[in-house]
Amino acid sequence: MSEITFTVSPCEESGVLVAAWDAPGGGGITTQGVSIDELRANVRDAVACHFEENDAPVRIRLHFAGDVLLQPS
């Protein structure tokens, strides 16, 4: 697999960004972050845990769905 795409959307209740990838055969990965930087790091960590080293995708794409509102910290 050369690339996977996570769909990123804001959680209106908690304000965090949620990233989800559905695996073609079922299952997948879902993670979250309070900022884009934290989300990016959490996605990388989740992908590293989900895939064996030789099966990991070369690229990870984040597709932002809807309007993302970032709260000041």
N, C-alpha and C. Protein backbone atom coordinates (compact mmCIF):
# COMPACT_ATOMS: atom_id res chain seq x y z
N MET A 1 0.85 -1.17 0.00
CA MET A 1 0.00 0.00 0.00
C MET A 1 0.90 1.24 0.00
N SER A 2 0.69 2.09 -0.97
CA SER A 2 1.57 3.25 -1.06
C SER A 2 1.03 4.47 -0.31
N GLU A 3 -0.30 4.55 -0.14
CA GLU A 3 -0.86 5.74 0.51
C GLU A 3 -2.18 5.39 1.18
N ILE A 4 -2.42 6.00 2.33
CA ILE A 4 -3.73 5.93 2.95
C ILE A 4 -4.20 7.35 3.24
N THR A 5 -5.52 7.54 3.28
CA THR A 5 -6.09 8.86 3.50
C THR A 5 -7.00 8.82 4.73
N PHE A 6 -6.70 9.70 5.67
CA PHE A 6 -7.55 9.88 6.84
C PHE A 6 -8.51 11.02 6.57
N THR A 7 -9.75 10.85 6.95
CA THR A 7 -10.73 11.93 6.90
C THR A 7 -10.71 12.61 8.26
N VAL A 8 -10.49 13.92 8.26
CA VAL A 8 -10.38 14.68 9.50
C VAL A 8 -11.60 15.58 9.64
N SER A 9 -12.22 15.52 10.79
CA SER A 9 -13.37 16.39 11.06
C SER A 9 -13.33 16.83 12.52
N PRO A 10 -13.88 18.00 12.79
CA PRO A 10 -13.90 18.47 14.17
C PRO A 10 -15.03 17.79 14.94
N CYS A 11 -14.78 17.50 16.20
CA CYS A 11 -15.82 16.99 17.10
C CYS A 11 -16.45 18.22 17.75
N GLU A 12 -17.71 18.46 17.45
CA GLU A 12 -18.36 19.68 17.96
C GLU A 12 -18.53 19.66 19.47
N GLU A 13 -18.64 18.47 20.07
CA GLU A 13 -18.83 18.38 21.52
C GLU A 13 -17.55 18.70 22.29
N SER A 14 -16.43 18.11 21.84
CA SER A 14 -15.18 18.27 22.60
C SER A 14 -14.22 19.29 22.00
N GLY A 15 -14.40 19.62 20.73
CA GLY A 15 -13.51 20.58 20.08
C GLY A 15 -12.24 19.99 19.53
N VAL A 16 -12.01 18.67 19.69
CA VAL A 16 -10.80 18.05 19.16
C VAL A 16 -10.99 17.71 17.68
N LEU A 17 -9.88 17.47 17.00
CA LEU A 17 -9.91 17.01 15.61
C LEU A 17 -9.84 15.49 15.62
N VAL A 18 -10.71 14.86 14.87
CA VAL A 18 -10.77 13.40 14.80
C VAL A 18 -10.37 12.96 13.40
N ALA A 19 -9.41 12.03 13.31
CA ALA A 19 -8.95 11.49 12.03
C ALA A 19 -9.32 10.01 11.97
N ALA A 20 -9.93 9.59 10.85
CA ALA A 20 -10.34 8.19 10.72
C ALA A 20 -9.96 7.66 9.34
N TRP A 21 -9.49 6.41 9.32
CA TRP A 21 -9.19 5.69 8.09
C TRP A 21 -9.87 4.34 8.19
N ASP A 22 -10.67 3.99 7.17
CA ASP A 22 -11.34 2.70 7.12
C ASP A 22 -10.54 1.76 6.25
N ALA A 23 -10.09 0.65 6.82
CA ALA A 23 -9.33 -0.34 6.07
C ALA A 23 -10.25 -1.02 5.05
N PRO A 24 -9.74 -1.32 3.86
CA PRO A 24 -10.57 -1.94 2.82
C PRO A 24 -11.23 -3.24 3.26
N GLY A 25 -10.57 -4.06 4.06
CA GLY A 25 -11.14 -5.33 4.49
C GLY A 25 -11.89 -5.26 5.81
N GLY A 26 -12.11 -4.07 6.32
CA GLY A 26 -12.76 -3.88 7.61
C GLY A 26 -11.77 -3.39 8.64
N GLY A 27 -12.28 -2.79 9.68
CA GLY A 27 -11.41 -2.21 10.70
C GLY A 27 -10.89 -0.86 10.25
N GLY A 28 -9.78 -0.45 10.79
CA GLY A 28 -9.20 0.82 10.42
C GLY A 28 -8.51 1.47 11.61
N ILE A 29 -8.34 2.77 11.51
CA ILE A 29 -7.64 3.54 12.54
C ILE A 29 -8.44 4.81 12.80
N THR A 30 -8.61 5.15 14.08
CA THR A 30 -9.20 6.43 14.47
C THR A 30 -8.34 6.99 15.58
N THR A 31 -8.02 8.27 15.47
CA THR A 31 -7.24 8.95 16.50
C THR A 31 -7.67 10.40 16.55
N GLN A 32 -7.16 11.16 17.51
CA GLN A 32 -7.57 12.55 17.65
C GLN A 32 -6.44 13.40 18.17
N GLY A 33 -6.64 14.71 18.10
CA GLY A 33 -5.67 15.66 18.63
C GLY A 33 -6.32 17.00 18.85
N VAL A 34 -5.79 17.77 19.79
CA VAL A 34 -6.36 19.08 20.08
C VAL A 34 -5.84 20.15 19.13
N SER A 35 -4.77 19.84 18.40
CA SER A 35 -4.21 20.77 17.41
C SER A 35 -3.82 19.95 16.17
N ILE A 36 -3.56 20.64 15.10
CA ILE A 36 -3.14 19.95 13.88
C ILE A 36 -1.80 19.26 14.10
N ASP A 37 -0.89 19.90 14.81
CA ASP A 37 0.42 19.28 15.09
C ASP A 37 0.26 18.01 15.92
N GLU A 38 -0.58 18.07 16.96
CA GLU A 38 -0.79 16.88 17.79
C GLU A 38 -1.50 15.79 16.98
N LEU A 39 -2.47 16.17 16.16
CA LEU A 39 -3.17 15.19 15.34
C LEU A 39 -2.20 14.50 14.38
N ARG A 40 -1.34 15.28 13.75
CA ARG A 40 -0.35 14.72 12.82
C ARG A 40 0.53 13.70 13.52
N ALA A 41 1.01 14.03 14.71
CA ALA A 41 1.86 13.11 15.47
C ALA A 41 1.09 11.86 15.87
N ASN A 42 -0.16 12.03 16.29
CA ASN A 42 -0.97 10.88 16.72
C ASN A 42 -1.30 9.97 15.54
N VAL A 43 -1.53 10.55 14.35
CA VAL A 43 -1.79 9.73 13.16
C VAL A 43 -0.54 8.92 12.83
N ARG A 44 0.61 9.54 12.84
CA ARG A 44 1.86 8.80 12.55
C ARG A 44 2.07 7.66 13.54
N ASP A 45 1.85 7.93 14.82
CA ASP A 45 2.00 6.88 15.84
C ASP A 45 1.02 5.74 15.63
N ALA A 46 -0.24 6.09 15.33
CA ALA A 46 -1.27 5.07 15.13
C ALA A 46 -0.97 4.20 13.92
N VAL A 47 -0.49 4.82 12.84
CA VAL A 47 -0.13 4.06 11.62
C VAL A 47 1.04 3.13 11.92
N ALA A 48 2.03 3.62 12.66
CA ALA A 48 3.19 2.78 13.00
C ALA A 48 2.77 1.58 13.85
N CYS A 49 1.78 1.75 14.72
CA CYS A 49 1.30 0.64 15.55
C CYS A 49 0.42 -0.33 14.77
N HIS A 50 -0.31 0.18 13.79
CA HIS A 50 -1.28 -0.64 13.05
C HIS A 50 -0.62 -1.55 12.02
N PHE A 51 0.41 -1.06 11.34
CA PHE A 51 1.03 -1.79 10.25
C PHE A 51 2.37 -2.39 10.67
N GLU A 52 2.69 -3.55 10.09
CA GLU A 52 4.04 -4.09 10.21
C GLU A 52 4.97 -3.16 9.43
N GLU A 53 6.22 -3.12 9.79
CA GLU A 53 7.17 -2.18 9.18
C GLU A 53 7.20 -2.28 7.65
N ASN A 54 7.19 -3.49 7.11
CA ASN A 54 7.27 -3.67 5.66
C ASN A 54 5.95 -3.40 4.95
N ASP A 55 4.84 -3.33 5.69
CA ASP A 55 3.53 -3.11 5.10
C ASP A 55 3.02 -1.69 5.27
N ALA A 56 3.76 -0.85 5.95
CA ALA A 56 3.31 0.52 6.23
C ALA A 56 3.22 1.34 4.95
N PRO A 57 2.22 2.22 4.86
CA PRO A 57 2.11 3.07 3.67
C PRO A 57 3.27 4.05 3.59
N VAL A 58 3.61 4.42 2.37
CA VAL A 58 4.70 5.38 2.14
C VAL A 58 4.24 6.79 2.46
N ARG A 59 2.97 7.09 2.13
CA ARG A 59 2.41 8.43 2.37
C ARG A 59 1.13 8.31 3.19
N ILE A 60 0.91 9.32 4.03
CA ILE A 60 -0.32 9.44 4.80
C ILE A 60 -0.92 10.80 4.46
N ARG A 61 -2.13 10.77 3.95
CA ARG A 61 -2.81 12.01 3.54
C ARG A 61 -3.91 12.33 4.56
N LEU A 62 -4.03 13.61 4.91
CA LEU A 62 -5.11 14.08 5.78
C LEU A 62 -6.08 14.88 4.92
N HIS A 63 -7.32 14.41 4.84
CA HIS A 63 -8.37 15.10 4.09
C HIS A 63 -9.30 15.77 5.09
N PHE A 64 -9.33 17.09 5.09
CA PHE A 64 -10.16 17.83 6.04
C PHE A 64 -11.57 17.97 5.48
N ALA A 65 -12.53 17.40 6.21
CA ALA A 65 -13.93 17.44 5.82
C ALA A 65 -14.65 18.48 6.67
N GLY A 66 -15.37 19.35 6.05
CA GLY A 66 -16.08 20.38 6.80
C GLY A 66 -15.14 21.50 7.19
N ASP A 67 -15.66 22.40 7.96
CA ASP A 67 -14.88 23.55 8.44
C ASP A 67 -14.20 23.18 9.74
N VAL A 68 -12.90 23.43 9.81
CA VAL A 68 -12.14 23.15 11.02
C VAL A 68 -11.94 24.46 11.76
N LEU A 69 -12.40 24.50 13.00
CA LEU A 69 -12.26 25.67 13.84
C LEU A 69 -11.22 25.36 14.90
N LEU A 70 -10.13 26.10 14.90
CA LEU A 70 -9.08 25.88 15.90
C LEU A 70 -9.28 26.85 17.05
N GLN A 71 -9.34 26.30 18.25
CA GLN A 71 -9.51 27.12 19.44
C GLN A 71 -8.14 27.62 19.89
N PRO A 72 -8.06 28.88 20.30
CA PRO A 72 -6.78 29.37 20.82
C PRO A 72 -6.43 28.62 22.10
N SER A 73 -5.13 28.41 22.31
CA SER A 73 -4.72 27.65 23.51
C SER A 73 -4.46 28.54 24.67
